Amino acid sequence: MEKVFSDIFTNLQEVVAKNLEKAKKGTLADKYNSSILGGSGSLPFNFQLDSNGQYTYSISQYGAGKTLNCSAYISNPNATFDIKISSSDGGGGQWNGIVANQQIHFNIETSFWHSTTITVYIKATVQNQNGSGEINYNY
């Protein structure tokens, strides 16, 4: 999980930097072209449930005021999950009784002015197991 949000924010920052450079040079294409102003991707993630069946992760990075539109699912282990995702700038969500391979959808708000902190909390009906899944995003 640690690499997922880091990679998403790195991609977002690269797109914003490229757009600023293009705007500076006067070569930025139509400002409404979402392929230039936004990005998207799919990333697999892994996590480790502790002896209480819990996993927590937090990251703080600059998000350029973009809204991340996300969907995600946990493919392993075969269990039932309570999931909470929060952003210091708004968005996220809380889901109870999610089963393996069930999609969740959420938005994560980021700030143009400061770093955004995202926290992920997972509680499962199993303990001491590796977990995996996938997140799809666009902004």
C-alpha atoms as a PDB file:
ATOM      1  CA  MET A   1       0.000   0.000   0.000  1.00  0.00           C
ATOM      2  CA  GLU A   2       2.916   2.329   0.758  1.00  0.00           C
ATOM      3  CA  LYS A   3       3.947   2.515  -2.886  1.00  0.00           C
ATOM      4  CA  VAL A   4       0.442   3.040  -4.316  1.00  0.00           C
ATOM      5  CA  PHE A   5      -0.356   6.512  -3.021  1.00  0.00           C
ATOM      6  CA  SER A   6       3.265   7.581  -3.413  1.00  0.00           C
ATOM      7  CA  ASP A   7       3.134   6.588  -7.104  1.00  0.00           C
ATOM      8  CA  ILE A   8      -0.240   8.309  -7.621  1.00  0.00           C
ATOM      9  CA  PHE A   9       1.024  11.569  -6.120  1.00  0.00           C
ATOM     10  CA  THR A  10       4.304  11.350  -8.045  1.00  0.00           C
ATOM     11  CA  ASN A  11       2.353  10.947 -11.296  1.00  0.00           C
ATOM     12  CA  LEU A  12       0.079  13.848 -10.361  1.00  0.00           C
ATOM     13  CA  GLN A  13       3.037  16.107  -9.533  1.00  0.00           C
ATOM     14  CA  GLU A  14       4.767  15.239 -12.827  1.00  0.00           C
ATOM     15  CA  VAL A  15       1.640  16.095 -14.846  1.00  0.00           C
ATOM     16  CA  VAL A  16       1.229  19.409 -13.005  1.00  0.00           C
ATOM     17  CA  ALA A  17       4.926  20.278 -13.506  1.00  0.00           C
ATOM     18  CA  LYS A  18       4.731  19.475 -17.230  1.00  0.00           C
ATOM     19  CA  ASN A  19       1.576  21.563 -17.600  1.00  0.00           C
ATOM     20  CA  LEU A  20       3.190  24.512 -15.801  1.00  0.00           C
ATOM     21  CA  GLU A  21       6.214  24.287 -18.090  1.00  0.00           C
ATOM     22  CA  LYS A  22       3.983  24.117 -21.185  1.00  0.00           C
ATOM     23  CA  ALA A  23       1.947  27.083 -19.962  1.00  0.00           C
ATOM     24  CA  LYS A  24       5.143  29.034 -19.341  1.00  0.00           C
ATOM     25  CA  LYS A  25       6.294  28.328 -22.913  1.00  0.00           C
ATOM     26  CA  GLY A  26       2.829  28.998 -24.335  1.00  0.00           C
ATOM     27  CA  THR A  27       2.577  25.449 -25.710  1.00  0.00           C
ATOM     28  CA  LEU A  28      -0.168  24.123 -23.441  1.00  0.00           C
ATOM     29  CA  ALA A  29      -2.914  22.685 -25.645  1.00  0.00           C
ATOM     30  CA  ASP A  30      -6.625  23.258 -25.093  1.00  0.00           C
ATOM     31  CA  LYS A  31      -7.083  23.802 -21.358  1.00  0.00           C
ATOM     32  CA  TYR A  32     -10.160  21.577 -21.422  1.00  0.00           C
ATOM     33  CA  ASN A  33      -8.330  18.546 -22.803  1.00  0.00           C
ATOM     34  CA  SER A  34      -8.484  16.130 -19.846  1.00  0.00           C
ATOM     35  CA  SER A  35      -5.670  13.965 -21.222  1.00  0.00           C
ATOM     36  CA  ILE A  36      -3.347  16.946 -20.808  1.00  0.00           C
ATOM     37  CA  LEU A  37      -4.666  18.252 -17.513  1.00  0.00           C
ATOM     38  CA  GLY A  38      -5.303  14.906 -15.847  1.00  0.00           C
ATOM     39  CA  GLY A  39      -4.027  11.420 -15.486  1.00  0.00           C
ATOM     40  CA  SER A  40      -5.211   7.937 -14.662  1.00  0.00           C
ATOM     41  CA  GLY A  41      -3.915   4.502 -13.871  1.00  0.00           C
ATOM     42  CA  SER A  42      -4.315   1.178 -12.127  1.00  0.00           C
ATOM     43  CA  LEU A  43      -1.932   0.028  -9.437  1.00  0.00           C
ATOM     44  CA  PRO A  44      -1.761  -3.219  -7.483  1.00  0.00           C
ATOM     45  CA  PHE A  45      -1.170  -2.940  -3.736  1.00  0.00           C
ATOM     46  CA  ASN A  46      -0.114  -5.222  -0.903  1.00  0.00           C
ATOM     47  CA  PHE A  47      -0.585  -4.980   2.852  1.00  0.00           C
ATOM     48  CA  GLN A  48       0.063  -7.076   5.966  1.00  0.00           C
ATOM     49  CA  LEU A  49      -2.661  -7.690   8.528  1.00  0.00           C
ATOM     50  CA  ASP A  50      -1.384  -7.794  12.096  1.00  0.00           C
ATOM     51  CA  SER A  51      -2.355 -10.175  14.917  1.00  0.00           C
ATOM     52  CA  ASN A  52      -5.580  -8.189  15.399  1.00  0.00           C
ATOM     53  CA  GLY A  53      -6.478  -8.354  11.698  1.00  0.00           C
ATOM     54  CA  GLN A  54      -5.688  -4.643  11.275  1.00  0.00           C
ATOM     55  CA  TYR A  55      -3.614  -2.572   8.892  1.00  0.00           C
ATOM     56  CA  THR A  56      -3.032   1.197   9.001  1.00  0.00           C
ATOM     57  CA  TYR A  57      -1.087   3.367   6.594  1.00  0.00           C
ATOM     58  CA  SER A  58      -0.693   7.129   6.304  1.00  0.00           C
ATOM     59  CA  ILE A  59       1.101   9.295   3.757  1.00  0.00           C
ATOM     60  CA  SER A  60       1.446  13.051   3.357  1.00  0.00           C
ATOM     61  CA  GLN A  61       2.242  14.478  -0.081  1.00  0.00           C
ATOM     62  CA  TYR A  62       1.465  17.458  -2.271  1.00  0.00           C
ATOM     63  CA  GLY A  63      -1.619  16.948  -4.472  1.00  0.00           C
ATOM     64  CA  ALA A  64      -1.873  20.271  -6.372  1.00  0.00           C
ATOM     65  CA  GLY A  65      -5.537  20.803  -5.494  1.00  0.00           C
ATOM     66  CA  LYS A  66      -6.650  17.888  -7.679  1.00  0.00           C
ATOM     67  CA  THR A  67      -9.494  15.528  -6.803  1.00  0.00           C
ATOM     68  CA  LEU A  68      -8.573  11.849  -7.125  1.00  0.00           C
ATOM     69  CA  ASN A  69     -11.512   9.725  -8.286  1.00  0.00           C
ATOM     70  CA  CYS A  70     -10.817   6.182  -7.133  1.00  0.00           C
ATOM     71  CA  SER A  71     -12.194   2.675  -7.110  1.00  0.00           C
ATOM     72  CA  ALA A  72     -10.504  -0.181  -5.332  1.00  0.00           C
ATOM     73  CA  TYR A  73     -10.945  -3.751  -4.224  1.00  0.00           C
ATOM     74  CA  ILE A  74      -9.147  -6.252  -2.019  1.00  0.00           C
ATOM     75  CA  SER A  75      -8.638  -9.584  -3.777  1.00  0.00           C
ATOM     76  CA  ASN A  76      -6.870 -11.456  -0.948  1.00  0.00           C
ATOM     77  CA  PRO A  77      -7.296 -12.767   1.672  1.00  0.00           C
ATOM     78  CA  ASN A  78     -10.764 -14.241   1.430  1.00  0.00           C
ATOM     79  CA  ALA A  79     -12.327 -12.358   4.349  1.00  0.00           C
ATOM     80  CA  THR A  80     -14.741  -9.602   5.317  1.00  0.00           C
ATOM     81  CA  PHE A  81     -13.318  -6.104   5.751  1.00  0.00           C
ATOM     82  CA  ASP A  82     -14.136  -2.795   7.374  1.00  0.00           C
ATOM     83  CA  ILE A  83     -12.285  -0.066   5.479  1.00  0.00           C
ATOM     84  CA  LYS A  84     -11.804   3.617   6.239  1.00  0.00           C
ATOM     85  CA  ILE A  85      -9.990   6.011   3.903  1.00  0.00           C
ATOM     86  CA  SER A  86      -9.609   9.651   4.880  1.00  0.00           C
ATOM     87  CA  SER A  87      -7.980  12.755   3.454  1.00  0.00           C
ATOM     88  CA  SER A  88      -6.986  15.786   5.491  1.00  0.00           C
ATOM     89  CA  ASP A  89      -8.586  17.917   2.761  1.00  0.00           C
ATOM     90  CA  GLY A  90     -11.853  15.980   2.409  1.00  0.00           C
ATOM     91  CA  GLY A  91     -13.162  12.882   0.757  1.00  0.00           C
ATOM     92  CA  GLY A  92     -12.542   9.238   1.415  1.00  0.00           C
ATOM     93  CA  GLY A  93     -15.183   7.072   3.020  1.00  0.00           C
ATOM     94  CA  GLN A  94     -16.001   4.256   5.366  1.00  0.00           C
ATOM     95  CA  TRP A  95     -17.305   0.809   4.400  1.00  0.00           C
ATOM     96  CA  ASN A  96     -18.300  -2.085   6.642  1.00  0.00           C
ATOM     97  CA  GLY A  97     -18.761  -5.721   5.693  1.00  0.00           C
ATOM     98  CA  ILE A  98     -16.899  -5.513   2.376  1.00  0.00           C
ATOM     99  CA  VAL A  99     -16.010  -8.936   0.979  1.00  0.00           C
ATOM    100  CA  ALA A 100     -13.040  -9.878  -1.197  1.00  0.00           C
ATOM    101  CA  ASN A 101     -13.291  -8.505  -4.771  1.00  0.00           C
ATOM    102  CA  GLN A 102     -16.091  -6.067  -3.881  1.00  0.00           C
ATOM    103  CA  GLN A 103     -15.431  -2.623  -5.370  1.00  0.00           C
ATOM    104  CA  ILE A 104     -15.505   0.560  -3.332  1.00  0.00           C
ATOM    105  CA  HIS A 105     -15.613   4.025  -4.903  1.00  0.00           C
ATOM    106  CA  PHE A 106     -14.353   7.253  -3.342  1.00  0.00           C
ATOM    107  CA  ASN A 107     -12.889  10.682  -4.034  1.00  0.00           C
ATOM    108  CA  ILE A 108      -9.853  12.137  -2.323  1.00  0.00           C
ATOM    109  CA  GLU A 109      -9.582  15.914  -2.172  1.00  0.00           C
ATOM    110  CA  THR A 110      -6.115  17.500  -2.143  1.00  0.00           C
ATOM    111  CA  SER A 111      -4.944  21.025  -1.446  1.00  0.00           C
ATOM    112  CA  PHE A 112      -3.175  23.392  -3.779  1.00  0.00           C
ATOM    113  CA  TRP A 113      -1.562  25.127  -0.784  1.00  0.00           C
ATOM    114  CA  HIS A 114      -0.132  22.325   1.347  1.00  0.00           C
ATOM    115  CA  SER A 115       0.516  18.588   1.544  1.00  0.00           C
ATOM    116  CA  THR A 116      -2.475  16.301   1.926  1.00  0.00           C
ATOM    117  CA  THR A 117      -2.456  13.445   4.415  1.00  0.00           C
ATOM    118  CA  ILE A 118      -4.245  10.266   3.378  1.00  0.00           C
ATOM    119  CA  THR A 119      -4.892   7.519   5.915  1.00  0.00           C
ATOM    120  CA  VAL A 120      -6.042   3.978   5.127  1.00  0.00           C
ATOM    121  CA  TYR A 121      -7.385   1.676   7.849  1.00  0.00           C
ATOM    122  CA  ILE A 122      -8.390  -1.944   7.207  1.00  0.00           C
ATOM    123  CA  LYS A 123      -9.879  -4.363   9.733  1.00  0.00           C
ATOM    124  CA  ALA A 124     -10.371  -7.956   8.554  1.00  0.00           C
ATOM    125  CA  THR A 125     -11.970 -11.106   9.927  1.00  0.00           C
ATOM    126  CA  VAL A 126      -8.602 -12.877   9.571  1.00  0.00           C
ATOM    127  CA  GLN A 127      -5.243 -12.160  11.208  1.00  0.00           C
ATOM    128  CA  ASN A 128      -1.555 -12.321  10.319  1.00  0.00           C
ATOM    129  CA  GLN A 129      -2.090 -12.595   6.588  1.00  0.00           C
ATOM    130  CA  ASN A 130      -0.814 -10.814   3.529  1.00  0.00           C
ATOM    131  CA  GLY A 131      -3.398  -8.907   1.556  1.00  0.00           C
ATOM    132  CA  SER A 132      -3.524  -7.618  -1.989  1.00  0.00           C
ATOM    133  CA  GLY A 133      -5.806  -5.672  -4.274  1.00  0.00           C
ATOM    134  CA  GLU A 134      -5.934  -2.978  -6.905  1.00  0.00           C
ATOM    135  CA  ILE A 135      -6.752   0.716  -7.032  1.00  0.00           C
ATOM    136  CA  ASN A 136      -7.880   2.557 -10.153  1.00  0.00           C
ATOM    137  CA  TYR A 137      -7.664   6.342 -10.189  1.00  0.00           C
ATOM    138  CA  ASN A 138      -8.093   9.397 -12.359  1.00  0.00           C
ATOM    139  CA  TYR A 139      -7.844  13.148 -11.788  1.00  0.00           C
END
